[in-house]
Amino acid sequence: MQGDIFLFINEVKMRSINADVDIVATAANQNFDCLRQDGLTAQKIDVGIIFQEMLGTATAAAYLAKNKVPINLALRVLTRTRRKAMG
């Protein structure tokens, strides 16, 4: 009887540990996906800025729209005044 209780308690602990590991793994994957998406969006923004400097705002806006950069972000990037690096 006492051995059965011990086995039951161990099983409950293992299920709890496995559930915690699953939760942590899911959160880590979501954070990684978010970071990966943010990094990709940052690269698209960089390309859009270069397009704006070389080809104009309309071309940059078309590029950002085609690459699904959120419009509020694209507007903010394309309408702000950039300061040239002093060098």
Protein backbone atom coordinates (compact mmCIF):
# COMPACT_ATOMS: atom_id res chain seq x y z
CA MET A 1 0.00 0.00 0.00
CA GLN A 2 2.71 2.44 0.99
CA GLY A 3 4.67 1.56 -2.18
CA ASP A 4 1.59 2.33 -4.31
CA ILE A 5 1.26 5.76 -2.74
CA PHE A 6 4.95 6.43 -3.36
CA LEU A 7 4.59 5.39 -7.03
CA PHE A 8 1.50 7.58 -7.40
CA ILE A 9 3.25 10.62 -5.89
CA ASN A 10 6.26 10.03 -8.16
CA GLU A 11 4.02 9.82 -11.22
CA VAL A 12 2.26 13.08 -10.28
CA LYS A 13 5.64 14.79 -9.80
CA MET A 14 6.87 13.55 -13.19
CA ARG A 15 3.71 14.77 -14.93
CA SER A 16 4.13 18.14 -13.27
CA ILE A 17 7.80 18.35 -14.33
CA ASN A 18 6.94 17.32 -17.89
CA ALA A 19 4.16 19.93 -18.05
CA ASP A 20 6.56 22.61 -16.79
CA VAL A 21 9.16 21.60 -19.39
CA ASP A 22 6.53 21.74 -22.13
CA ILE A 23 5.46 25.22 -21.02
CA VAL A 24 9.05 26.49 -20.96
CA ALA A 25 9.81 24.92 -24.35
CA THR A 26 6.71 26.46 -25.90
CA ALA A 27 7.57 29.89 -24.50
CA ALA A 28 11.15 29.60 -25.73
CA ASN A 29 9.97 28.66 -29.23
CA GLN A 30 7.55 31.58 -29.31
CA ASN A 31 10.29 33.98 -28.20
CA PHE A 32 12.67 32.57 -30.81
CA ASP A 33 10.05 32.96 -33.54
CA CYS A 34 9.42 36.52 -32.40
CA LEU A 35 13.12 37.33 -32.40
CA ARG A 36 13.59 35.70 -35.79
CA GLN A 37 10.68 37.69 -37.21
CA ASP A 38 11.95 40.93 -35.66
CA GLY A 39 15.42 40.31 -37.11
CA LEU A 40 13.94 39.66 -40.54
CA THR A 41 11.79 42.79 -40.29
CA ALA A 42 14.86 44.80 -39.28
CA GLN A 43 16.68 43.57 -42.38
CA LYS A 44 13.73 44.52 -44.57
CA ILE A 45 13.68 47.98 -42.99
CA ASP A 46 17.42 48.39 -43.70
CA VAL A 47 16.86 47.47 -47.34
CA GLY A 48 13.90 49.85 -47.50
CA ILE A 49 16.04 52.71 -46.18
CA ILE A 50 18.72 51.99 -48.80
CA PHE A 51 16.04 51.86 -51.52
CA GLN A 52 14.68 55.19 -50.29
CA GLU A 53 18.12 56.80 -50.45
CA MET A 54 18.94 55.36 -53.87
CA LEU A 55 15.58 55.04 -55.65
CA GLY A 56 13.15 57.24 -53.73
CA THR A 57 10.41 56.91 -51.18
CA ALA A 58 7.81 55.40 -53.54
CA THR A 59 10.09 52.49 -54.44
CA ALA A 60 11.00 51.92 -50.79
CA ALA A 61 7.33 51.98 -49.78
CA ALA A 62 6.45 49.47 -52.50
CA TYR A 63 9.26 47.18 -51.36
CA LEU A 64 8.17 47.32 -47.72
CA ALA A 65 4.52 46.72 -48.62
CA LYS A 66 5.41 43.77 -50.86
CA ASN A 67 7.47 42.27 -48.02
CA LYS A 68 4.61 42.67 -45.52
CA VAL A 69 6.29 45.18 -43.22
CA PRO A 70 3.47 46.65 -41.05
CA ILE A 71 2.32 49.95 -42.54
CA ASN A 72 2.71 51.89 -39.27
CA LEU A 73 6.35 50.80 -39.09
CA ALA A 74 7.00 51.54 -42.77
CA LEU A 75 5.48 55.02 -42.43
CA ARG A 76 7.52 55.79 -39.35
CA VAL A 77 10.75 54.71 -41.02
CA LEU A 78 10.15 56.38 -44.38
CA THR A 79 8.93 59.72 -43.01
CA ARG A 80 11.50 60.41 -40.32
CA THR A 81 14.45 62.65 -40.96
CA ARG A 82 17.75 60.82 -40.82
CA ARG A 83 20.90 62.35 -39.49
CA LYS A 84 23.98 61.71 -41.54
CA ALA A 85 26.86 60.24 -39.57
CA MET A 86 29.54 62.80 -38.87
CA GLY A 87 32.80 61.38 -39.98
